[in-house]
Amino acid sequence: MLNHIVIMGRLTRDPELRYTQAQVPVASFTVAVDRDFGGRDGGEKQTDFIDCSAWRQTGEFVSKYFRKGSMIVVSGRLQSRKWQDRDGNNRTSWEVSADNVYFGESRRRDEDSRDSYGGNSYSANNYGGNSYDNSRPAPAPAQANPFTDLGDDDGELPF
């Protein structure tokens, strides 16, 4: 059986970090995900609001580095939870349990929109692991073109 889901969207509010009785951290957050198509008449795009939870180091990472409006990519599994409301009615809630979380865009967008890298994704699935570090300088642009023009004569090409 396979239960794997990947979503990309923006956080609707700051993540909420809580701890279980056993002091295990868990972050809860909601991701607003636009659908790829508009309404039936080609009108406005529709948005789904998907509840997510991230446990342990992943939850701490989300709580530390993501805020309301941040673009986030969540990879995990879809889970259902059955519960009863105050009136005794049976309810079912669905949420994504995050295994990995990634930045959906560069933090530089917030600092200076002219220097934005666009929609590049930087891996941040391990707390303190492969996260993007804005403090490192950008690589210097190449000074000379390493490729030379071959010209119209292709007699020297091996094919």
N, C-alpha and C. Protein backbone atom coordinates (compact mmCIF):
# COMPACT_ATOMS: atom_id res chain seq x y z
N MET A 1 0.83 -1.18 0.00
CA MET A 1 0.00 0.00 0.00
C MET A 1 0.88 1.24 0.00
N LEU A 2 0.37 2.30 -0.56
CA LEU A 2 1.13 3.54 -0.66
C LEU A 2 0.27 4.70 -0.17
N ASN A 3 0.78 5.47 0.74
CA ASN A 3 0.11 6.66 1.24
C ASN A 3 1.16 7.76 1.29
N HIS A 4 1.26 8.53 0.23
CA HIS A 4 2.25 9.60 0.14
C HIS A 4 1.59 10.81 -0.49
N ILE A 5 1.79 11.96 0.13
CA ILE A 5 1.19 13.19 -0.39
C ILE A 5 2.24 14.30 -0.34
N VAL A 6 2.23 15.15 -1.36
CA VAL A 6 3.11 16.32 -1.40
C VAL A 6 2.23 17.51 -1.73
N ILE A 7 2.29 18.54 -0.88
CA ILE A 7 1.53 19.76 -1.13
C ILE A 7 2.47 20.96 -1.05
N MET A 8 2.09 22.02 -1.76
CA MET A 8 2.86 23.26 -1.72
C MET A 8 1.88 24.42 -1.64
N GLY A 9 2.11 25.30 -0.69
CA GLY A 9 1.23 26.44 -0.52
C GLY A 9 1.78 27.38 0.52
N ARG A 10 0.93 28.28 0.99
CA ARG A 10 1.34 29.27 1.98
C ARG A 10 0.66 28.99 3.32
N LEU A 11 1.40 29.26 4.40
CA LEU A 11 0.84 29.08 5.74
C LEU A 11 -0.23 30.14 5.99
N THR A 12 -1.35 29.71 6.57
CA THR A 12 -2.45 30.64 6.85
C THR A 12 -2.26 31.36 8.18
N ARG A 13 -1.39 30.83 9.03
CA ARG A 13 -1.09 31.44 10.33
C ARG A 13 0.26 30.91 10.78
N ASP A 14 0.82 31.49 11.82
CA ASP A 14 2.08 30.99 12.38
C ASP A 14 1.87 29.56 12.90
N PRO A 15 2.85 28.68 12.73
CA PRO A 15 2.73 27.32 13.27
C PRO A 15 2.60 27.37 14.80
N GLU A 16 1.83 26.43 15.33
CA GLU A 16 1.64 26.34 16.78
C GLU A 16 2.44 25.14 17.28
N LEU A 17 3.45 25.39 18.11
CA LEU A 17 4.28 24.32 18.66
C LEU A 17 3.78 23.97 20.05
N ARG A 18 3.47 22.68 20.26
CA ARG A 18 3.04 22.17 21.55
C ARG A 18 3.90 20.98 21.89
N TYR A 19 3.77 20.50 23.12
CA TYR A 19 4.51 19.33 23.58
C TYR A 19 3.53 18.33 24.18
N THR A 20 3.74 17.05 23.89
CA THR A 20 2.92 16.01 24.49
C THR A 20 3.33 15.84 25.95
N GLN A 21 2.62 14.99 26.68
CA GLN A 21 2.96 14.73 28.08
C GLN A 21 4.35 14.13 28.20
N ALA A 22 4.79 13.43 27.15
CA ALA A 22 6.12 12.84 27.14
C ALA A 22 7.17 13.82 26.60
N GLN A 23 6.79 15.11 26.48
CA GLN A 23 7.68 16.18 26.00
C GLN A 23 8.14 15.99 24.56
N VAL A 24 7.29 15.41 23.73
CA VAL A 24 7.57 15.27 22.30
C VAL A 24 6.97 16.49 21.59
N PRO A 25 7.79 17.27 20.87
CA PRO A 25 7.26 18.46 20.19
C PRO A 25 6.42 18.10 18.97
N VAL A 26 5.33 18.85 18.77
CA VAL A 26 4.48 18.69 17.59
C VAL A 26 4.01 20.07 17.16
N ALA A 27 4.19 20.38 15.89
CA ALA A 27 3.75 21.66 15.33
C ALA A 27 2.50 21.42 14.48
N SER A 28 1.51 22.28 14.67
CA SER A 28 0.28 22.23 13.87
C SER A 28 0.22 23.49 13.02
N PHE A 29 -0.17 23.32 11.76
CA PHE A 29 -0.26 24.46 10.85
C PHE A 29 -1.21 24.12 9.72
N THR A 30 -1.68 25.15 9.03
CA THR A 30 -2.60 24.98 7.91
C THR A 30 -1.97 25.59 6.67
N VAL A 31 -2.05 24.85 5.56
CA VAL A 31 -1.47 25.30 4.29
C VAL A 31 -2.60 25.60 3.30
N ALA A 32 -2.58 26.79 2.72
CA ALA A 32 -3.53 27.17 1.68
C ALA A 32 -2.93 26.78 0.34
N VAL A 33 -3.61 25.87 -0.36
CA VAL A 33 -3.11 25.33 -1.63
C VAL A 33 -4.10 25.69 -2.74
N ASP A 34 -3.62 26.44 -3.74
CA ASP A 34 -4.46 26.78 -4.88
C ASP A 34 -4.62 25.57 -5.79
N ARG A 35 -5.80 25.40 -6.31
CA ARG A 35 -6.03 24.34 -7.30
C ARG A 35 -5.49 24.80 -8.64
N ASP A 36 -5.12 23.84 -9.49
CA ASP A 36 -4.51 24.16 -10.78
C ASP A 36 -5.50 24.70 -11.80
N PHE A 37 -6.78 24.68 -11.49
CA PHE A 37 -7.78 25.11 -12.45
C PHE A 37 -8.75 26.06 -11.77
N GLY A 38 -9.42 26.87 -12.58
CA GLY A 38 -10.40 27.80 -12.05
C GLY A 38 -11.74 27.11 -11.86
N GLY A 39 -12.75 27.89 -11.63
CA GLY A 39 -14.10 27.36 -11.47
C GLY A 39 -14.60 26.76 -12.77
N ARG A 40 -15.80 26.26 -12.75
CA ARG A 40 -16.37 25.61 -13.95
C ARG A 40 -16.45 26.56 -15.13
N ASP A 41 -16.66 27.83 -14.83
CA ASP A 41 -16.76 28.81 -15.91
C ASP A 41 -15.42 29.49 -16.21
N GLY A 42 -14.33 28.91 -15.70
CA GLY A 42 -13.00 29.49 -15.93
C GLY A 42 -12.74 30.70 -15.07
N GLY A 43 -13.51 30.86 -14.01
CA GLY A 43 -13.39 32.03 -13.14
C GLY A 43 -12.26 31.91 -12.15
N GLU A 44 -12.52 32.37 -10.94
CA GLU A 44 -11.51 32.39 -9.89
C GLU A 44 -11.00 31.00 -9.55
N LYS A 45 -9.70 30.96 -9.21
CA LYS A 45 -9.13 29.71 -8.73
C LYS A 45 -9.69 29.40 -7.35
N GLN A 46 -9.79 28.13 -7.04
CA GLN A 46 -10.26 27.72 -5.72
C GLN A 46 -9.06 27.35 -4.87
N THR A 47 -9.21 27.51 -3.57
CA THR A 47 -8.13 27.23 -2.62
C THR A 47 -8.60 26.20 -1.62
N ASP A 48 -7.74 25.22 -1.34
CA ASP A 48 -8.00 24.23 -0.30
C ASP A 48 -7.14 24.58 0.90
N PHE A 49 -7.70 24.43 2.09
CA PHE A 49 -6.98 24.68 3.33
C PHE A 49 -6.73 23.34 4.00
N ILE A 50 -5.46 22.93 4.05
CA ILE A 50 -5.10 21.59 4.48
C ILE A 50 -4.37 21.65 5.81
N ASP A 51 -4.93 20.97 6.81
CA ASP A 51 -4.31 20.90 8.14
C ASP A 51 -3.13 19.95 8.09
N CYS A 52 -2.05 20.33 8.77
CA CYS A 52 -0.83 19.52 8.80
C CYS A 52 -0.29 19.46 10.22
N SER A 53 0.47 18.41 10.49
CA SER A 53 1.19 18.29 11.76
C SER A 53 2.58 17.77 11.46
N ALA A 54 3.54 18.26 12.24
CA ALA A 54 4.94 17.82 12.09
C ALA A 54 5.46 17.51 13.49
N TRP A 55 6.07 16.36 13.64
CA TRP A 55 6.51 15.89 14.94
C TRP A 55 8.02 16.01 15.10
N ARG A 56 8.44 16.07 16.32
CA ARG A 56 9.84 16.04 16.76
C ARG A 56 10.66 17.16 16.10
N GLN A 57 11.84 16.84 15.54
CA GLN A 57 12.72 17.87 14.98
C GLN A 57 12.07 18.60 13.82
N THR A 58 11.26 17.89 13.04
CA THR A 58 10.59 18.55 11.91
C THR A 58 9.62 19.60 12.43
N GLY A 59 8.89 19.29 13.50
CA GLY A 59 7.98 20.26 14.10
C GLY A 59 8.71 21.47 14.65
N GLU A 60 9.84 21.24 15.31
CA GLU A 60 10.63 22.36 15.82
C GLU A 60 11.16 23.22 14.68
N PHE A 61 11.58 22.57 13.59
CA PHE A 61 12.08 23.29 12.43
C PHE A 61 10.99 24.19 11.83
N VAL A 62 9.79 23.64 11.66
CA VAL A 62 8.68 24.42 11.10
C VAL A 62 8.38 25.62 11.99
N SER A 63 8.32 25.38 13.29
CA SER A 63 8.01 26.44 14.23
C SER A 63 9.06 27.54 14.22
N LYS A 64 10.31 27.18 14.02
CA LYS A 64 11.41 28.14 14.08
C LYS A 64 11.55 28.97 12.80
N TYR A 65 11.37 28.34 11.62
CA TYR A 65 11.71 29.00 10.37
C TYR A 65 10.54 29.43 9.49
N PHE A 66 9.31 29.07 9.83
CA PHE A 66 8.17 29.41 8.98
C PHE A 66 7.20 30.31 9.74
N ARG A 67 6.60 31.24 9.03
CA ARG A 67 5.63 32.18 9.58
C ARG A 67 4.43 32.26 8.65
N LYS A 68 3.40 32.94 9.11
CA LYS A 68 2.21 33.16 8.29
C LYS A 68 2.63 33.76 6.94
N GLY A 69 2.12 33.18 5.86
CA GLY A 69 2.44 33.65 4.51
C GLY A 69 3.64 32.99 3.87
N SER A 70 4.43 32.23 4.64
CA SER A 70 5.60 31.55 4.08
C SER A 70 5.16 30.46 3.10
N MET A 71 5.89 30.36 1.99
CA MET A 71 5.66 29.27 1.04
C MET A 71 6.34 28.02 1.60
N ILE A 72 5.60 26.91 1.66
CA ILE A 72 6.10 25.68 2.27
C ILE A 72 5.74 24.50 1.38
N VAL A 73 6.63 23.52 1.34
CA VAL A 73 6.37 22.25 0.66
C VAL A 73 6.38 21.18 1.74
N VAL A 74 5.30 20.41 1.81
CA VAL A 74 5.15 19.38 2.83
C VAL A 74 5.02 18.03 2.14
N SER A 75 5.85 17.10 2.56
CA SER A 75 5.81 15.73 2.04
C SER A 75 5.51 14.82 3.23
N GLY A 76 4.50 13.98 3.09
CA GLY A 76 4.14 13.11 4.20
C GLY A 76 3.04 12.14 3.83
N ARG A 77 2.18 11.86 4.79
CA ARG A 77 1.09 10.90 4.56
C ARG A 77 -0.22 11.51 5.04
N LEU A 78 -1.30 11.11 4.40
CA LEU A 78 -2.64 11.58 4.76
C LEU A 78 -3.20 10.67 5.84
N GLN A 79 -3.70 11.28 6.92
CA GLN A 79 -4.24 10.50 8.03
C GLN A 79 -5.63 11.02 8.38
N SER A 80 -6.48 10.11 8.85
CA SER A 80 -7.80 10.50 9.32
C SER A 80 -7.87 10.29 10.83
N ARG A 81 -8.71 11.09 11.45
CA ARG A 81 -8.92 10.99 12.89
C ARG A 81 -10.41 11.04 13.15
N LYS A 82 -10.92 10.09 13.90
CA LYS A 82 -12.34 10.06 14.22
C LYS A 82 -12.54 10.60 15.63
N TRP A 83 -13.59 11.42 15.82
CA TRP A 83 -13.87 12.03 17.11
C TRP A 83 -15.35 12.38 17.20
N GLN A 84 -15.78 12.73 18.38
CA GLN A 84 -17.17 13.13 18.58
C GLN A 84 -17.23 14.60 18.98
N ASP A 85 -18.19 15.31 18.38
CA ASP A 85 -18.35 16.72 18.75
C ASP A 85 -19.17 16.84 20.04
N ARG A 86 -19.44 18.06 20.47
CA ARG A 86 -20.14 18.30 21.73
C ARG A 86 -21.54 17.71 21.75
N ASP A 87 -22.16 17.60 20.56
CA ASP A 87 -23.51 17.06 20.48
C ASP A 87 -23.52 15.54 20.36
N GLY A 88 -22.36 14.91 20.37
CA GLY A 88 -22.28 13.45 20.28
C GLY A 88 -22.26 12.93 18.85
N ASN A 89 -22.15 13.82 17.86
CA ASN A 89 -22.09 13.39 16.46
C ASN A 89 -20.68 12.90 16.14
N ASN A 90 -20.60 11.81 15.37
CA ASN A 90 -19.30 11.29 14.94
C ASN A 90 -18.75 12.17 13.83
N ARG A 91 -17.49 12.53 13.94
CA ARG A 91 -16.81 13.38 12.96
C ARG A 91 -15.51 12.73 12.53
N THR A 92 -15.06 13.11 11.35
CA THR A 92 -13.77 12.66 10.84
C THR A 92 -12.98 13.87 10.37
N SER A 93 -11.74 13.97 10.80
CA SER A 93 -10.84 15.03 10.36
C SER A 93 -9.70 14.40 9.58
N TRP A 94 -9.25 15.10 8.54
CA TRP A 94 -8.13 14.64 7.73
C TRP A 94 -6.99 15.63 7.89
N GLU A 95 -5.76 15.12 7.97
CA GLU A 95 -4.60 15.99 8.04
C GLU A 95 -3.40 15.29 7.43
N VAL A 96 -2.43 16.10 7.03
CA VAL A 96 -1.17 15.57 6.50
C VAL A 96 -0.19 15.49 7.66
N SER A 97 0.36 14.32 7.88
CA SER A 97 1.42 14.14 8.87
C SER A 97 2.74 14.28 8.11
N ALA A 98 3.47 15.36 8.39
CA ALA A 98 4.66 15.72 7.61
C ALA A 98 5.84 14.84 7.98
N ASP A 99 6.46 14.25 6.97
CA ASP A 99 7.72 13.54 7.14
C ASP A 99 8.89 14.47 6.82
N ASN A 100 8.73 15.27 5.77
CA ASN A 100 9.75 16.22 5.33
C ASN A 100 9.09 17.55 5.02
N VAL A 101 9.80 18.63 5.30
CA VAL A 101 9.32 19.98 5.03
C VAL A 101 10.44 20.72 4.29
N TYR A 102 10.05 21.48 3.28
CA TYR A 102 11.02 22.21 2.47
C TYR A 102 10.59 23.67 2.34
N PHE A 103 11.57 24.56 2.17
CA PHE A 103 11.26 25.94 1.84
C PHE A 103 10.71 25.97 0.42
N GLY A 104 9.64 26.71 0.19
CA GLY A 104 9.08 26.84 -1.15
C GLY A 104 9.64 28.01 -1.91
N GLU A 105 10.39 28.88 -1.22
CA GLU A 105 10.99 30.05 -1.85
C GLU A 105 12.15 30.53 -0.98
N SER A 106 12.91 31.43 -1.52
CA SER A 106 14.04 31.99 -0.81
C SER A 106 13.58 32.98 0.25
N ARG A 107 14.29 33.04 1.37
CA ARG A 107 13.98 34.05 2.39
C ARG A 107 14.32 35.44 1.88
N ARG A 108 15.13 35.56 0.88
CA ARG A 108 15.54 36.87 0.37
C ARG A 108 14.35 37.64 -0.21
N ARG A 109 13.26 36.94 -0.54
CA ARG A 109 12.07 37.61 -1.06
C ARG A 109 11.59 38.64 -0.05
N ASP A 110 11.65 38.27 1.22
CA ASP A 110 11.20 39.17 2.27
C ASP A 110 12.19 40.31 2.50
N GLU A 111 13.47 40.05 2.31
CA GLU A 111 14.49 41.05 2.58
C GLU A 111 14.58 42.09 1.46
N ASP A 112 14.60 41.63 0.22
CA ASP A 112 14.73 42.53 -0.91
C ASP A 112 14.19 41.84 -2.14
N SER A 113 13.02 42.24 -2.60
CA SER A 113 12.36 41.53 -3.70
C SER A 113 13.16 41.60 -4.99
N ARG A 114 14.05 42.59 -5.14
CA ARG A 114 14.85 42.68 -6.36
C ARG A 114 15.89 41.58 -6.43
N ASP A 115 16.32 41.05 -5.28
CA ASP A 115 17.36 40.03 -5.26
C ASP A 115 16.78 38.62 -5.11
N SER A 116 15.49 38.46 -5.32
CA SER A 116 14.85 37.16 -5.10
C SER A 116 15.35 36.11 -6.08
N TYR A 117 15.49 34.90 -5.59
CA TYR A 117 15.87 33.78 -6.45
C TYR A 117 14.67 33.21 -7.18
N GLY A 118 13.49 33.69 -6.93
CA GLY A 118 12.29 33.13 -7.55
C GLY A 118 11.76 32.00 -6.72
N GLY A 119 11.27 30.95 -7.35
CA GLY A 119 10.62 29.86 -6.64
C GLY A 119 11.51 28.69 -6.31
N ASN A 120 12.82 28.90 -6.19
CA ASN A 120 13.72 27.79 -5.88
C ASN A 120 13.38 27.15 -4.55
N SER A 121 13.46 25.85 -4.47
CA SER A 121 13.19 25.14 -3.23
C SER A 121 14.50 24.72 -2.61
N TYR A 122 14.62 24.90 -1.32
CA TYR A 122 15.80 24.51 -0.59
C TYR A 122 15.40 23.48 0.43
N SER A 123 16.08 22.37 0.46
CA SER A 123 15.72 21.27 1.35
C SER A 123 15.91 21.67 2.79
N ALA A 124 14.93 21.32 3.61
CA ALA A 124 15.01 21.62 5.03
C ALA A 124 14.34 20.50 5.82
N ASN A 125 14.54 19.28 5.37
CA ASN A 125 13.81 18.19 5.98
C ASN A 125 14.40 17.73 7.30
N ASN A 126 15.62 18.04 7.59
CA ASN A 126 16.22 17.65 8.87
C ASN A 126 16.56 18.89 9.65
N TYR A 127 16.13 18.93 10.88
CA TYR A 127 16.39 20.07 11.73
C TYR A 127 17.90 20.30 11.80
N GLY A 128 18.34 21.46 11.38
CA GLY A 128 19.76 21.77 11.37
C GLY A 128 20.51 21.08 10.24
N GLY A 129 19.80 20.43 9.34
CA GLY A 129 20.44 19.68 8.27
C GLY A 129 20.67 20.52 7.04
N ASN A 130 20.10 20.12 5.93
CA ASN A 130 20.36 20.77 4.65
C ASN A 130 19.48 21.99 4.45
N SER A 131 19.50 22.91 5.37
CA SER A 131 18.69 24.10 5.22
C SER A 131 19.49 25.16 4.46
N TYR A 132 18.79 26.05 3.82
CA TYR A 132 19.42 27.10 3.04
C TYR A 132 19.99 28.15 3.98
N ASP A 133 21.18 28.61 3.70
CA ASP A 133 21.86 29.58 4.55
C ASP A 133 22.07 30.86 3.76
N ASN A 134 21.30 31.91 4.06
CA ASN A 134 21.42 33.18 3.35
C ASN A 134 22.68 33.94 3.70
N SER A 135 23.40 33.53 4.75
CA SER A 135 24.58 34.27 5.16
C SER A 135 25.78 33.99 4.27
N ARG A 136 25.71 32.92 3.48
CA ARG A 136 26.82 32.63 2.57
C ARG A 136 26.73 33.56 1.37
N PRO A 137 27.86 34.05 0.88
CA PRO A 137 27.82 34.94 -0.30
C PRO A 137 27.44 34.15 -1.55
N ALA A 138 26.80 34.85 -2.47
CA ALA A 138 26.44 34.23 -3.74
C ALA A 138 27.70 33.98 -4.55
N PRO A 139 27.71 32.93 -5.39
CA PRO A 139 28.89 32.69 -6.21
C PRO A 139 29.11 33.84 -7.19
N ALA A 140 30.36 34.13 -7.46
CA ALA A 140 30.70 35.21 -8.38
C ALA A 140 30.33 34.81 -9.80
N PRO A 141 29.84 35.75 -10.60
CA PRO A 141 29.49 35.42 -11.98
C PRO A 141 30.74 35.07 -12.78
N ALA A 142 30.60 34.21 -13.76
CA ALA A 142 31.73 33.81 -14.61
C ALA A 142 32.21 35.02 -15.40
N GLN A 143 33.54 35.17 -15.52
CA GLN A 143 34.12 36.32 -16.20
C GLN A 143 34.22 36.11 -17.71
N ALA A 144 34.48 34.90 -18.11
CA ALA A 144 34.65 34.64 -19.54
C ALA A 144 33.80 33.44 -19.93
N ASN A 145 33.39 33.41 -21.17
CA ASN A 145 32.60 32.30 -21.68
C ASN A 145 33.53 31.12 -21.93
N PRO A 146 33.34 30.00 -21.23
CA PRO A 146 34.24 28.86 -21.41
C PRO A 146 33.99 28.11 -22.72
N PHE A 147 32.91 28.42 -23.42
CA PHE A 147 32.58 27.73 -24.66
C PHE A 147 33.01 28.59 -25.84
N THR A 148 33.62 27.97 -26.80
CA THR A 148 34.05 28.71 -27.99
C THR A 148 33.12 28.35 -29.14
N ASP A 149 33.04 29.24 -30.07
CA ASP A 149 32.17 29.03 -31.22
C ASP A 149 32.82 28.01 -32.16
N LEU A 150 32.07 26.98 -32.56
CA LEU A 150 32.61 25.94 -33.43
C LEU A 150 32.60 26.37 -34.90
N GLY A 151 31.80 27.36 -35.22
CA GLY A 151 31.73 27.81 -36.60
C GLY A 151 30.82 26.90 -37.42
N ASP A 152 30.78 27.15 -38.73
CA ASP A 152 29.89 26.40 -39.60
C ASP A 152 30.52 25.11 -40.11
N ASP A 153 31.83 24.98 -40.04
CA ASP A 153 32.51 23.79 -40.53
C ASP A 153 32.45 22.72 -39.47
N ASP A 154 31.69 21.65 -39.72
CA ASP A 154 31.58 20.57 -38.73
C ASP A 154 32.43 19.37 -39.13
N GLY A 155 33.49 19.61 -39.87
CA GLY A 155 34.37 18.52 -40.28
C GLY A 155 35.19 17.95 -39.11
N GLU A 156 35.38 18.73 -38.07
CA GLU A 156 36.15 18.26 -36.94
C GLU A 156 35.30 17.55 -35.88
N LEU A 157 34.00 17.53 -36.04
CA LEU A 157 33.14 16.88 -35.05
C LEU A 157 33.21 15.36 -35.22
N PRO A 158 33.18 14.63 -34.12
CA PRO A 158 33.32 13.17 -34.20
C PRO A 158 32.07 12.44 -34.64
N PHE A 159 30.99 13.13 -34.96
CA PHE A 159 29.76 12.45 -35.39
C PHE A 159 29.18 13.06 -36.62
